[in-house]
Amino acid sequence: MTDACVVITTCGSEETALSIASALVDQHLAACVSIFPSVKSYYFFEGNTHLDEEISLMIKTRCELFDKVSELITKLHTYDVPEIIMFKVDAVSESFLRWLSQTTKRGSPCD
């Protein structure tokens, strides 16, 4: 097990996705955010089923930063109930883990 994790969220607009991605990286809460445009989500919410086009974010960070990542996403998100799911990374290349750790620790408010 490593301290690395991936956090997934979806957004209803590119503007929201870019706002969240840039804030996470600029505040050293994520080393990288990959943005996947045009995913379709089929879901149940407020008594109805919905099919919407969304933008998916894959956020590479450290597990210990999850609460801060979640707080920031919730603050900037336009959804009442944003999807915020963390997957722990069991294996990762040593060089990527070193970069992830150094990137999210540089001037981090967590240090």
PDB file of N, CA and C in Angstrom:
ATOM      1  N   MET A   1       0.854  -1.187   0.000  1.00  0.00           N
ATOM      2  CA  MET A   1       0.000   0.000   0.000  1.00  0.00           C
ATOM      3  C   MET A   1       0.892   1.239   0.000  1.00  0.00           C
ATOM      4  N   THR A   2       0.452   2.259  -0.698  1.00  0.00           N
ATOM      5  CA  THR A   2       1.177   3.523  -0.752  1.00  0.00           C
ATOM      6  C   THR A   2       0.286   4.613  -0.179  1.00  0.00           C
ATOM      7  N   ASP A   3       0.813   5.819  -0.097  1.00  0.00           N
ATOM      8  CA  ASP A   3       0.012   6.966   0.329  1.00  0.00           C
ATOM      9  C   ASP A   3      -0.707   7.594  -0.863  1.00  0.00           C
ATOM     10  N   ALA A   4      -0.493   7.058  -2.049  1.00  0.00           N
ATOM     11  CA  ALA A   4      -1.111   7.622  -3.252  1.00  0.00           C
ATOM     12  C   ALA A   4      -2.569   7.197  -3.349  1.00  0.00           C
ATOM     13  N   CYS A   5      -3.370   8.088  -3.890  1.00  0.00           N
ATOM     14  CA  CYS A   5      -4.764   7.761  -4.161  1.00  0.00           C
ATOM     15  C   CYS A   5      -5.223   8.538  -5.380  1.00  0.00           C
ATOM     16  N   VAL A   6      -6.346   8.094  -5.915  1.00  0.00           N
ATOM     17  CA  VAL A   6      -7.003   8.771  -7.025  1.00  0.00           C
ATOM     18  C   VAL A   6      -8.397   9.149  -6.536  1.00  0.00           C
ATOM     19  N   VAL A   7      -8.759  10.392  -6.758  1.00  0.00           N
ATOM     20  CA  VAL A   7     -10.091  10.875  -6.402  1.00  0.00           C
ATOM     21  C   VAL A   7     -10.822  11.169  -7.697  1.00  0.00           C
ATOM     22  N   ILE A   8     -12.048  10.714  -7.777  1.00  0.00           N
ATOM     23  CA  ILE A   8     -12.876  10.914  -8.969  1.00  0.00           C
ATOM     24  C   ILE A   8     -14.028  11.850  -8.626  1.00  0.00           C
ATOM     25  N   THR A   9     -14.305  12.765  -9.517  1.00  0.00           N
ATOM     26  CA  THR A   9     -15.505  13.588  -9.416  1.00  0.00           C
ATOM     27  C   THR A   9     -15.989  13.888 -10.830  1.00  0.00           C
ATOM     28  N   THR A  10     -17.237  14.267 -10.957  1.00  0.00           N
ATOM     29  CA  THR A  10     -17.773  14.694 -12.249  1.00  0.00           C
ATOM     30  C   THR A  10     -18.337  16.095 -12.105  1.00  0.00           C
ATOM     31  N   CYS A  11     -18.325  16.838 -13.203  1.00  0.00           N
ATOM     32  CA  CYS A  11     -18.808  18.216 -13.213  1.00  0.00           C
ATOM     33  C   CYS A  11     -19.763  18.409 -14.385  1.00  0.00           C
ATOM     34  N   GLY A  12     -20.654  19.365 -14.231  1.00  0.00           N
ATOM     35  CA  GLY A  12     -21.632  19.648 -15.270  1.00  0.00           C
ATOM     36  C   GLY A  12     -21.141  20.593 -16.351  1.00  0.00           C
ATOM     37  N   SER A  13     -19.990  21.236 -16.120  1.00  0.00           N
ATOM     38  CA  SER A  13     -19.471  22.169 -17.125  1.00  0.00           C
ATOM     39  C   SER A  13     -17.950  22.150 -17.126  1.00  0.00           C
ATOM     40  N   GLU A  14     -17.386  22.538 -18.253  1.00  0.00           N
ATOM     41  CA  GLU A  14     -15.938  22.636 -18.358  1.00  0.00           C
ATOM     42  C   GLU A  14     -15.410  23.727 -17.429  1.00  0.00           C
ATOM     43  N   GLU A  15     -16.149  24.786 -17.279  1.00  0.00           N
ATOM     44  CA  GLU A  15     -15.736  25.878 -16.399  1.00  0.00           C
ATOM     45  C   GLU A  15     -15.552  25.391 -14.956  1.00  0.00           C
ATOM     46  N   THR A  16     -16.507  24.623 -14.462  1.00  0.00           N
ATOM     47  CA  THR A  16     -16.398  24.082 -13.103  1.00  0.00           C
ATOM     48  C   THR A  16     -15.233  23.109 -13.007  1.00  0.00           C
ATOM     49  N   ALA A  17     -15.091  22.249 -14.001  1.00  0.00           N
ATOM     50  CA  ALA A  17     -14.007  21.263 -14.007  1.00  0.00           C
ATOM     51  C   ALA A  17     -12.642  21.957 -13.968  1.00  0.00           C
ATOM     52  N   LEU A  18     -12.452  22.966 -14.788  1.00  0.00           N
ATOM     53  CA  LEU A  18     -11.180  23.692 -14.823  1.00  0.00           C
ATOM     54  C   LEU A  18     -10.934  24.463 -13.534  1.00  0.00           C
ATOM     55  N   SER A  19     -11.979  25.003 -12.955  1.00  0.00           N
ATOM     56  CA  SER A  19     -11.866  25.732 -11.693  1.00  0.00           C
ATOM     57  C   SER A  19     -11.391  24.798 -10.580  1.00  0.00           C
ATOM     58  N   ILE A  20     -11.992  23.630 -10.502  1.00  0.00           N
ATOM     59  CA  ILE A  20     -11.606  22.648  -9.487  1.00  0.00           C
ATOM     60  C   ILE A  20     -10.190  22.139  -9.745  1.00  0.00           C
ATOM     61  N   ALA A  21      -9.892  21.782 -10.979  1.00  0.00           N
ATOM     62  CA  ALA A  21      -8.567  21.246 -11.319  1.00  0.00           C
ATOM     63  C   ALA A  21      -7.467  22.251 -10.991  1.00  0.00           C
ATOM     64  N   SER A  22      -7.641  23.480 -11.412  1.00  0.00           N
ATOM     65  CA  SER A  22      -6.586  24.475 -11.177  1.00  0.00           C
ATOM     66  C   SER A  22      -6.432  24.777  -9.687  1.00  0.00           C
ATOM     67  N   ALA A  23      -7.521  24.852  -8.954  1.00  0.00           N
ATOM     68  CA  ALA A  23      -7.425  25.127  -7.513  1.00  0.00           C
ATOM     69  C   ALA A  23      -6.700  24.002  -6.791  1.00  0.00           C
ATOM     70  N   LEU A  24      -7.004  22.764  -7.131  1.00  0.00           N
ATOM     71  CA  LEU A  24      -6.351  21.623  -6.481  1.00  0.00           C
ATOM     72  C   LEU A  24      -4.845  21.612  -6.728  1.00  0.00           C
ATOM     73  N   VAL A  25      -4.443  21.840  -7.966  1.00  0.00           N
ATOM     74  CA  VAL A  25      -3.012  21.824  -8.294  1.00  0.00           C
ATOM     75  C   VAL A  25      -2.322  23.068  -7.737  1.00  0.00           C
ATOM     76  N   ASP A  26      -2.935  24.234  -7.898  1.00  0.00           N
ATOM     77  CA  ASP A  26      -2.326  25.478  -7.419  1.00  0.00           C
ATOM     78  C   ASP A  26      -2.163  25.503  -5.900  1.00  0.00           C
ATOM     79  N   GLN A  27      -3.066  24.828  -5.190  1.00  0.00           N
ATOM     80  CA  GLN A  27      -2.987  24.791  -3.722  1.00  0.00           C
ATOM     81  C   GLN A  27      -2.227  23.559  -3.219  1.00  0.00           C
ATOM     82  N   HIS A  28      -1.571  22.855  -4.138  1.00  0.00           N
ATOM     83  CA  HIS A  28      -0.712  21.713  -3.805  1.00  0.00           C
ATOM     84  C   HIS A  28      -1.478  20.543  -3.188  1.00  0.00           C
ATOM     85  N   LEU A  29      -2.759  20.457  -3.485  1.00  0.00           N
ATOM     86  CA  LEU A  29      -3.568  19.353  -2.985  1.00  0.00           C
ATOM     87  C   LEU A  29      -3.601  18.190  -3.962  1.00  0.00           C
ATOM     88  N   ALA A  30      -3.168  18.414  -5.188  1.00  0.00           N
ATOM     89  CA  ALA A  30      -3.077  17.365  -6.196  1.00  0.00           C
ATOM     90  C   ALA A  30      -1.842  17.610  -7.045  1.00  0.00           C
ATOM     91  N   ALA A  31      -1.220  16.524  -7.479  1.00  0.00           N
ATOM     92  CA  ALA A  31      -0.063  16.642  -8.363  1.00  0.00           C
ATOM     93  C   ALA A  31      -0.530  16.836  -9.800  1.00  0.00           C
ATOM     94  N   CYS A  32      -1.666  16.239 -10.129  1.00  0.00           N
ATOM     95  CA  CYS A  32      -2.178  16.280 -11.501  1.00  0.00           C
ATOM     96  C   CYS A  32      -3.673  16.003 -11.468  1.00  0.00           C
ATOM     97  N   VAL A  33      -4.399  16.658 -12.354  1.00  0.00           N
ATOM     98  CA  VAL A  33      -5.818  16.369 -12.545  1.00  0.00           C
ATOM     99  C   VAL A  33      -6.029  16.120 -14.025  1.00  0.00           C
ATOM    100  N   SER A  34      -6.442  14.911 -14.356  1.00  0.00           N
ATOM    101  CA  SER A  34      -6.772  14.574 -15.746  1.00  0.00           C
ATOM    102  C   SER A  34      -8.253  14.866 -15.964  1.00  0.00           C
ATOM    103  N   ILE A  35      -8.530  15.530 -17.072  1.00  0.00           N
ATOM    104  CA  ILE A  35      -9.901  15.950 -17.378  1.00  0.00           C
ATOM    105  C   ILE A  35     -10.392  15.161 -18.585  1.00  0.00           C
ATOM    106  N   PHE A  36     -11.494  14.450 -18.373  1.00  0.00           N
ATOM    107  CA  PHE A  36     -12.095  13.631 -19.433  1.00  0.00           C
ATOM    108  C   PHE A  36     -13.413  14.267 -19.847  1.00  0.00           C
ATOM    109  N   PRO A  37     -13.448  14.893 -21.012  1.00  0.00           N
ATOM    110  CA  PRO A  37     -14.680  15.546 -21.448  1.00  0.00           C
ATOM    111  C   PRO A  37     -15.706  14.530 -21.941  1.00  0.00           C
ATOM    112  N   SER A  38     -16.928  14.929 -21.864  1.00  0.00           N
ATOM    113  CA  SER A  38     -18.029  14.215 -22.492  1.00  0.00           C
ATOM    114  C   SER A  38     -18.190  12.761 -22.048  1.00  0.00           C
ATOM    115  N   VAL A  39     -18.405  12.576 -20.753  1.00  0.00           N
ATOM    116  CA  VAL A  39     -18.824  11.264 -20.267  1.00  0.00           C
ATOM    117  C   VAL A  39     -20.324  11.343 -20.017  1.00  0.00           C
ATOM    118  N   LYS A  40     -21.005  10.258 -20.213  1.00  0.00           N
ATOM    119  CA  LYS A  40     -22.440  10.225 -19.956  1.00  0.00           C
ATOM    120  C   LYS A  40     -22.682   9.540 -18.624  1.00  0.00           C
ATOM    121  N   SER A  41     -23.501  10.160 -17.804  1.00  0.00           N
ATOM    122  CA  SER A  41     -23.842   9.600 -16.499  1.00  0.00           C
ATOM    123  C   SER A  41     -25.344   9.365 -16.445  1.00  0.00           C
ATOM    124  N   TYR A  42     -25.704   8.156 -16.080  1.00  0.00           N
ATOM    125  CA  TYR A  42     -27.103   7.781 -15.895  1.00  0.00           C
ATOM    126  C   TYR A  42     -27.274   7.526 -14.407  1.00  0.00           C
ATOM    127  N   TYR A  43     -28.167   8.273 -13.760  1.00  0.00           N
ATOM    128  CA  TYR A  43     -28.260   8.212 -12.310  1.00  0.00           C
ATOM    129  C   TYR A  43     -29.665   8.527 -11.822  1.00  0.00           C
ATOM    130  N   PHE A  44     -29.891   8.201 -10.553  1.00  0.00           N
ATOM    131  CA  PHE A  44     -31.156   8.471  -9.890  1.00  0.00           C
ATOM    132  C   PHE A  44     -30.928   9.597  -8.901  1.00  0.00           C
ATOM    133  N   PHE A  45     -31.759  10.652  -8.957  1.00  0.00           N
ATOM    134  CA  PHE A  45     -31.617  11.782  -8.047  1.00  0.00           C
ATOM    135  C   PHE A  45     -32.960  12.467  -7.895  1.00  0.00           C
ATOM    136  N   GLU A  46     -33.311  12.767  -6.661  1.00  0.00           N
ATOM    137  CA  GLU A  46     -34.551  13.476  -6.341  1.00  0.00           C
ATOM    138  C   GLU A  46     -35.780  12.846  -6.998  1.00  0.00           C
ATOM    139  N   GLY A  47     -35.862  11.517  -6.907  1.00  0.00           N
ATOM    140  CA  GLY A  47     -37.052  10.805  -7.364  1.00  0.00           C
ATOM    141  C   GLY A  47     -37.132  10.503  -8.845  1.00  0.00           C
ATOM    142  N   ASN A  48     -36.100  10.861  -9.608  1.00  0.00           N
ATOM    143  CA  ASN A  48     -36.128  10.632 -11.053  1.00  0.00           C
ATOM    144  C   ASN A  48     -34.796  10.089 -11.557  1.00  0.00           C
ATOM    145  N   THR A  49     -34.854   9.423 -12.696  1.00  0.00           N
ATOM    146  CA  THR A  49     -33.620   9.022 -13.358  1.00  0.00           C
ATOM    147  C   THR A  49     -33.224  10.113 -14.347  1.00  0.00           C
ATOM    148  N   HIS A  50     -31.934  10.264 -14.536  1.00  0.00           N
ATOM    149  CA  HIS A  50     -31.384  11.313 -15.392  1.00  0.00           C
ATOM    150  C   HIS A  50     -30.275  10.732 -16.266  1.00  0.00           C
ATOM    151  N   LEU A  51     -30.118  11.291 -17.448  1.00  0.00           N
ATOM    152  CA  LEU A  51     -28.984  10.998 -18.316  1.00  0.00           C
ATOM    153  C   LEU A  51     -28.380  12.340 -18.696  1.00  0.00           C
ATOM    154  N   ASP A  52     -27.158  12.584 -18.241  1.00  0.00           N
ATOM    155  CA  ASP A  52     -26.510  13.866 -18.483  1.00  0.00           C
ATOM    156  C   ASP A  52     -25.102  13.669 -19.020  1.00  0.00           C
ATOM    157  N   GLU A  53     -24.663  14.643 -19.790  1.00  0.00           N
ATOM    158  CA  GLU A  53     -23.275  14.680 -20.230  1.00  0.00           C
ATOM    159  C   GLU A  53     -22.489  15.459 -19.186  1.00  0.00           C
ATOM    160  N   GLU A  54     -21.384  14.875 -18.751  1.00  0.00           N
ATOM    161  CA  GLU A  54     -20.573  15.498 -17.718  1.00  0.00           C
ATOM    162  C   GLU A  54     -19.101  15.450 -18.100  1.00  0.00           C
ATOM    163  N   ILE A  55     -18.300  16.119 -17.294  1.00  0.00           N
ATOM    164  CA  ILE A  55     -16.853  16.083 -17.429  1.00  0.00           C
ATOM    165  C   ILE A  55     -16.337  15.358 -16.196  1.00  0.00           C
ATOM    166  N   SER A  56     -15.468  14.378 -16.390  1.00  0.00           N
ATOM    167  CA  SER A  56     -14.930  13.589 -15.283  1.00  0.00           C
ATOM    168  C   SER A  56     -13.512  14.053 -14.968  1.00  0.00           C
ATOM    169  N   LEU A  57     -13.221  14.148 -13.693  1.00  0.00           N
ATOM    170  CA  LEU A  57     -11.880  14.516 -13.234  1.00  0.00           C
ATOM    171  C   LEU A  57     -11.255  13.333 -12.503  1.00  0.00           C
ATOM    172  N   MET A  58     -10.015  13.024 -12.845  1.00  0.00           N
ATOM    173  CA  MET A  58      -9.237  12.011 -12.136  1.00  0.00           C
ATOM    174  C   MET A  58      -8.087  12.751 -11.452  1.00  0.00           C
ATOM    175  N   ILE A  59      -8.169  12.817 -10.133  1.00  0.00           N
ATOM    176  CA  ILE A  59      -7.277  13.636  -9.323  1.00  0.00           C
ATOM    177  C   ILE A  59      -6.230  12.736  -8.657  1.00  0.00           C
ATOM    178  N   LYS A  60      -4.957  12.988  -8.939  1.00  0.00           N
ATOM    179  CA  LYS A  60      -3.875  12.213  -8.341  1.00  0.00           C
ATOM    180  C   LYS A  60      -3.325  12.975  -7.140  1.00  0.00           C
ATOM    181  N   THR A  61      -3.405  12.340  -5.962  1.00  0.00           N
ATOM    182  CA  THR A  61      -3.015  13.008  -4.734  1.00  0.00           C
ATOM    183  C   THR A  61      -2.539  11.990  -3.706  1.00  0.00           C
ATOM    184  N   ARG A  62      -2.385  12.444  -2.458  1.00  0.00           N
ATOM    185  CA  ARG A  62      -2.026  11.563  -1.346  1.00  0.00           C
ATOM    186  C   ARG A  62      -3.261  11.347  -0.478  1.00  0.00           C
ATOM    187  N   CYS A  63      -3.384  10.149   0.075  1.00  0.00           N
ATOM    188  CA  CYS A  63      -4.555   9.796   0.893  1.00  0.00           C
ATOM    189  C   CYS A  63      -4.764  10.781   2.042  1.00  0.00           C
ATOM    190  N   GLU A  64      -3.687  11.223   2.662  1.00  0.00           N
ATOM    191  CA  GLU A  64      -3.821  12.130   3.808  1.00  0.00           C
ATOM    192  C   GLU A  64      -4.427  13.487   3.415  1.00  0.00           C
ATOM    193  N   LEU A  65      -4.462  13.796   2.130  1.00  0.00           N
ATOM    194  CA  LEU A  65      -5.038  15.064   1.671  1.00  0.00           C
ATOM    195  C   LEU A  65      -6.509  14.935   1.264  1.00  0.00           C
ATOM    196  N   PHE A  66      -7.078  13.740   1.376  1.00  0.00           N
ATOM    197  CA  PHE A  66      -8.444  13.528   0.886  1.00  0.00           C
ATOM    198  C   PHE A  66      -9.449  14.506   1.497  1.00  0.00           C
ATOM    199  N   ASP A  67      -9.405  14.717   2.794  1.00  0.00           N
ATOM    200  CA  ASP A  67     -10.390  15.617   3.420  1.00  0.00           C
ATOM    201  C   ASP A  67     -10.295  17.031   2.847  1.00  0.00           C
ATOM    202  N   LYS A  68      -9.076  17.515   2.645  1.00  0.00           N
ATOM    203  CA  LYS A  68      -8.896  18.863   2.081  1.00  0.00           C
ATOM    204  C   LYS A  68      -9.331  18.913   0.613  1.00  0.00           C
ATOM    205  N   VAL A  69      -9.030  17.845  -0.131  1.00  0.00           N
ATOM    206  CA  VAL A  69      -9.466  17.749  -1.527  1.00  0.00           C
ATOM    207  C   VAL A  69     -10.987  17.756  -1.594  1.00  0.00           C
ATOM    208  N   SER A  70     -11.612  16.957  -0.745  1.00  0.00           N
ATOM    209  CA  SER A  70     -13.068  16.874  -0.708  1.00  0.00           C
ATOM    210  C   SER A  70     -13.704  18.216  -0.347  1.00  0.00           C
ATOM    211  N   GLU A  71     -13.138  18.900   0.643  1.00  0.00           N
ATOM    212  CA  GLU A  71     -13.630  20.221   1.036  1.00  0.00           C
ATOM    213  C   GLU A  71     -13.567  21.207  -0.125  1.00  0.00           C
ATOM    214  N   LEU A  72     -12.451  21.230  -0.823  1.00  0.00           N
ATOM    215  CA  LEU A  72     -12.281  22.168  -1.931  1.00  0.00           C
ATOM    216  C   LEU A  72     -13.250  21.856  -3.073  1.00  0.00           C
ATOM    217  N   ILE A  73     -13.392  20.578  -3.403  1.00  0.00           N
ATOM    218  CA  ILE A  73     -14.339  20.201  -4.459  1.00  0.00           C
ATOM    219  C   ILE A  73     -15.743  20.647  -4.073  1.00  0.00           C
ATOM    220  N   THR A  74     -16.148  20.365  -2.852  1.00  0.00           N
ATOM    221  CA  THR A  74     -17.489  20.727  -2.382  1.00  0.00           C
ATOM    222  C   THR A  74     -17.693  22.239  -2.440  1.00  0.00           C
ATOM    223  N   LYS A  75     -16.679  22.993  -2.062  1.00  0.00           N
ATOM    224  CA  LYS A  75     -16.764  24.464  -2.062  1.00  0.00           C
ATOM    225  C   LYS A  75     -16.946  25.031  -3.482  1.00  0.00           C
ATOM    226  N   LEU A  76     -16.225  24.462  -4.455  1.00  0.00           N
ATOM    227  CA  LEU A  76     -16.242  25.009  -5.813  1.00  0.00           C
ATOM    228  C   LEU A  76     -17.288  24.369  -6.726  1.00  0.00           C
ATOM    229  N   HIS A  77     -17.864  23.266  -6.310  1.00  0.00           N
ATOM    230  CA  HIS A  77     -18.772  22.497  -7.161  1.00  0.00           C
ATOM    231  C   HIS A  77     -20.144  23.155  -7.249  1.00  0.00           C
ATOM    232  N   THR A  78     -20.806  22.952  -8.370  1.00  0.00           N
ATOM    233  CA  THR A  78     -22.153  23.498  -8.558  1.00  0.00           C
ATOM    234  C   THR A  78     -23.247  22.500  -8.176  1.00  0.00           C
ATOM    235  N   TYR A  79     -22.891  21.241  -7.978  1.00  0.00           N
ATOM    236  CA  TYR A  79     -23.890  20.219  -7.622  1.00  0.00           C
ATOM    237  C   TYR A  79     -24.196  20.268  -6.128  1.00  0.00           C
ATOM    238  N   ASP A  80     -25.453  19.945  -5.768  1.00  0.00           N
ATOM    239  CA  ASP A  80     -25.831  19.817  -4.359  1.00  0.00           C
ATOM    240  C   ASP A  80     -25.124  18.630  -3.711  1.00  0.00           C
ATOM    241  N   VAL A  81     -24.969  17.558  -4.479  1.00  0.00           N
ATOM    242  CA  VAL A  81     -24.339  16.331  -3.982  1.00  0.00           C
ATOM    243  C   VAL A  81     -23.257  15.905  -4.981  1.00  0.00           C
ATOM    244  N   PRO A  82     -22.082  16.519  -4.912  1.00  0.00           N
ATOM    245  CA  PRO A  82     -21.034  16.136  -5.872  1.00  0.00           C
ATOM    246  C   PRO A  82     -20.496  14.736  -5.584  1.00  0.00           C
ATOM    247  N   GLU A  83     -20.182  14.037  -6.650  1.00  0.00           N
ATOM    248  CA  GLU A  83     -19.524  12.732  -6.538  1.00  0.00           C
ATOM    249  C   GLU A  83     -18.071  12.979  -6.142  1.00  0.00           C
ATOM    250  N   ILE A  84     -17.672  12.418  -5.013  1.00  0.00           N
ATOM    251  CA  ILE A  84     -16.281  12.519  -4.566  1.00  0.00           C
ATOM    252  C   ILE A  84     -15.905  11.145  -4.032  1.00  0.00           C
ATOM    253  N   ILE A  85     -15.162  10.391  -4.832  1.00  0.00           N
ATOM    254  CA  ILE A  85     -14.832   9.011  -4.496  1.00  0.00           C
ATOM    255  C   ILE A  85     -13.313   8.848  -4.524  1.00  0.00           C
ATOM    256  N   MET A  86     -12.769   8.240  -3.468  1.00  0.00           N
ATOM    257  CA  MET A  86     -11.335   8.016  -3.401  1.00  0.00           C
ATOM    258  C   MET A  86     -11.024   6.526  -3.568  1.00  0.00           C
ATOM    259  N   PHE A  87     -10.027   6.252  -4.400  1.00  0.00           N
ATOM    260  CA  PHE A  87      -9.498   4.901  -4.580  1.00  0.00           C
ATOM    261  C   PHE A  87      -8.053   4.901  -4.098  1.00  0.00           C
ATOM    262  N   LYS A  88      -7.740   4.038  -3.160  1.00  0.00           N
ATOM    263  CA  LYS A  88      -6.352   3.908  -2.716  1.00  0.00           C
ATOM    264  C   LYS A  88      -5.568   3.153  -3.782  1.00  0.00           C
ATOM    265  N   VAL A  89      -4.323   3.553  -3.970  1.00  0.00           N
ATOM    266  CA  VAL A  89      -3.457   2.941  -4.965  1.00  0.00           C
ATOM    267  C   VAL A  89      -2.597   1.884  -4.278  1.00  0.00           C
ATOM    268  N   ASP A  90      -2.734   0.644  -4.699  1.00  0.00           N
ATOM    269  CA  ASP A  90      -1.954  -0.451  -4.104  1.00  0.00           C
ATOM    270  C   ASP A  90      -0.536  -0.514  -4.641  1.00  0.00           C
ATOM    271  N   ALA A  91      -0.371  -0.151  -5.908  1.00  0.00           N
ATOM    272  CA  ALA A  91       0.955  -0.216  -6.527  1.00  0.00           C
ATOM    273  C   ALA A  91       1.114   0.964  -7.479  1.00  0.00           C
ATOM    274  N   VAL A  92       2.316   1.505  -7.508  1.00  0.00           N
ATOM    275  CA  VAL A  92       2.616   2.654  -8.367  1.00  0.00           C
ATOM    276  C   VAL A  92       4.120   2.659  -8.603  1.00  0.00           C
ATOM    277  N   SER A  93       4.530   3.184  -9.740  1.00  0.00           N
ATOM    278  CA  SER A  93       5.966   3.244 -10.000  1.00  0.00           C
ATOM    279  C   SER A  93       6.633   4.155  -8.968  1.00  0.00           C
ATOM    280  N   GLU A  94       7.831   3.794  -8.595  1.00  0.00           N
ATOM    281  CA  GLU A  94       8.569   4.554  -7.587  1.00  0.00           C
ATOM    282  C   GLU A  94       8.781   6.009  -8.021  1.00  0.00           C
ATOM    283  N   SER A  95       9.083   6.205  -9.289  1.00  0.00           N
ATOM    284  CA  SER A  95       9.340   7.571  -9.769  1.00  0.00           C
ATOM    285  C   SER A  95       8.070   8.422  -9.735  1.00  0.00           C
ATOM    286  N   PHE A  96       6.931   7.831 -10.095  1.00  0.00           N
ATOM    287  CA  PHE A  96       5.670   8.591 -10.046  1.00  0.00           C
ATOM    288  C   PHE A  96       5.301   8.921  -8.605  1.00  0.00           C
ATOM    289  N   LEU A  97       5.458   7.962  -7.706  1.00  0.00           N
ATOM    290  CA  LEU A  97       5.139   8.196  -6.302  1.00  0.00           C
ATOM    291  C   LEU A  97       6.014   9.291  -5.711  1.00  0.00           C
ATOM    292  N   ARG A  98       7.302   9.279  -6.057  1.00  0.00           N
ATOM    293  CA  ARG A  98       8.222  10.315  -5.576  1.00  0.00           C
ATOM    294  C   ARG A  98       7.774  11.691  -6.091  1.00  0.00           C
ATOM    295  N   TRP A  99       7.431  11.775  -7.379  1.00  0.00           N
ATOM    296  CA  TRP A  99       6.970  13.043  -7.956  1.00  0.00           C
ATOM    297  C   TRP A  99       5.664  13.491  -7.301  1.00  0.00           C
ATOM    298  N   LEU A 100       4.723  12.575  -7.132  1.00  0.00           N
ATOM    299  CA  LEU A 100       3.441  12.889  -6.505  1.00  0.00           C
ATOM    300  C   LEU A 100       3.657  13.447  -5.103  1.00  0.00           C
ATOM    301  N   SER A 101       4.493  12.780  -4.340  1.00  0.00           N
ATOM    302  CA  SER A 101       4.759  13.204  -2.973  1.00  0.00           C
ATOM    303  C   SER A 101       5.430  14.575  -2.929  1.00  0.00           C
ATOM    304  N   GLN A 102       6.456  14.766  -3.743  1.00  0.00           N
ATOM    305  CA  GLN A 102       7.165  16.057  -3.770  1.00  0.00           C
ATOM    306  C   GLN A 102       6.247  17.180  -4.241  1.00  0.00           C
ATOM    307  N   THR A 103       5.431  16.913  -5.226  1.00  0.00           N
ATOM    308  CA  THR A 103       4.563  17.936  -5.798  1.00  0.00           C
ATOM    309  C   THR A 103       3.487  18.378  -4.831  1.00  0.00           C
ATOM    310  N   THR A 104       2.919  17.437  -4.099  1.00  0.00           N
ATOM    311  CA  THR A 104       1.853  17.811  -3.179  1.00  0.00           C
ATOM    312  C   THR A 104       2.382  18.307  -1.835  1.00  0.00           C
ATOM    313  N   LYS A 105       3.666  18.206  -1.619  1.00  0.00           N
ATOM    314  CA  LYS A 105       4.249  18.720  -0.378  1.00  0.00           C
ATOM    315  C   LYS A 105       4.898  20.086  -0.549  1.00  0.00           C
ATOM    316  N   ARG A 106       5.110  20.511  -1.778  1.00  0.00           N
ATOM    317  CA  ARG A 106       5.815  21.787  -2.002  1.00  0.00           C
ATOM    318  C   ARG A 106       4.963  22.958  -1.492  1.00  0.00           C
ATOM    319  N   GLY A 107       5.401  23.553  -0.447  1.00  0.00           N
ATOM    320  CA  GLY A 107       4.693  24.703   0.109  1.00  0.00           C
ATOM    321  C   GLY A 107       3.298  24.356   0.575  1.00  0.00           C
ATOM    322  N   SER A 108       3.045  23.087   0.833  1.00  0.00           N
ATOM    323  CA  SER A 108       1.711  22.630   1.188  1.00  0.00           C
ATOM    324  C   SER A 108       1.248  23.214   2.517  1.00  0.00           C
ATOM    325  N   PRO A 109      -0.022  23.593   2.589  1.00  0.00           N
ATOM    326  CA  PRO A 109      -0.560  24.064   3.866  1.00  0.00           C
ATOM    327  C   PRO A 109      -0.618  22.936   4.885  1.00  0.00           C
ATOM    328  N   CYS A 110      -0.379  21.688   4.460  1.00  0.00           N
ATOM    329  CA  CYS A 110      -0.431  20.547   5.372  1.00  0.00           C
ATOM    330  C   CYS A 110       0.886  20.355   6.102  1.00  0.00           C
ATOM    331  N   ASP A 111       1.936  20.975   5.619  1.00  0.00           N
ATOM    332  CA  ASP A 111       3.258  20.769   6.233  1.00  0.00           C
ATOM    333  C   ASP A 111       3.496  21.748   7.362  1.00  0.00           C
TER     334      ASP A 111
END
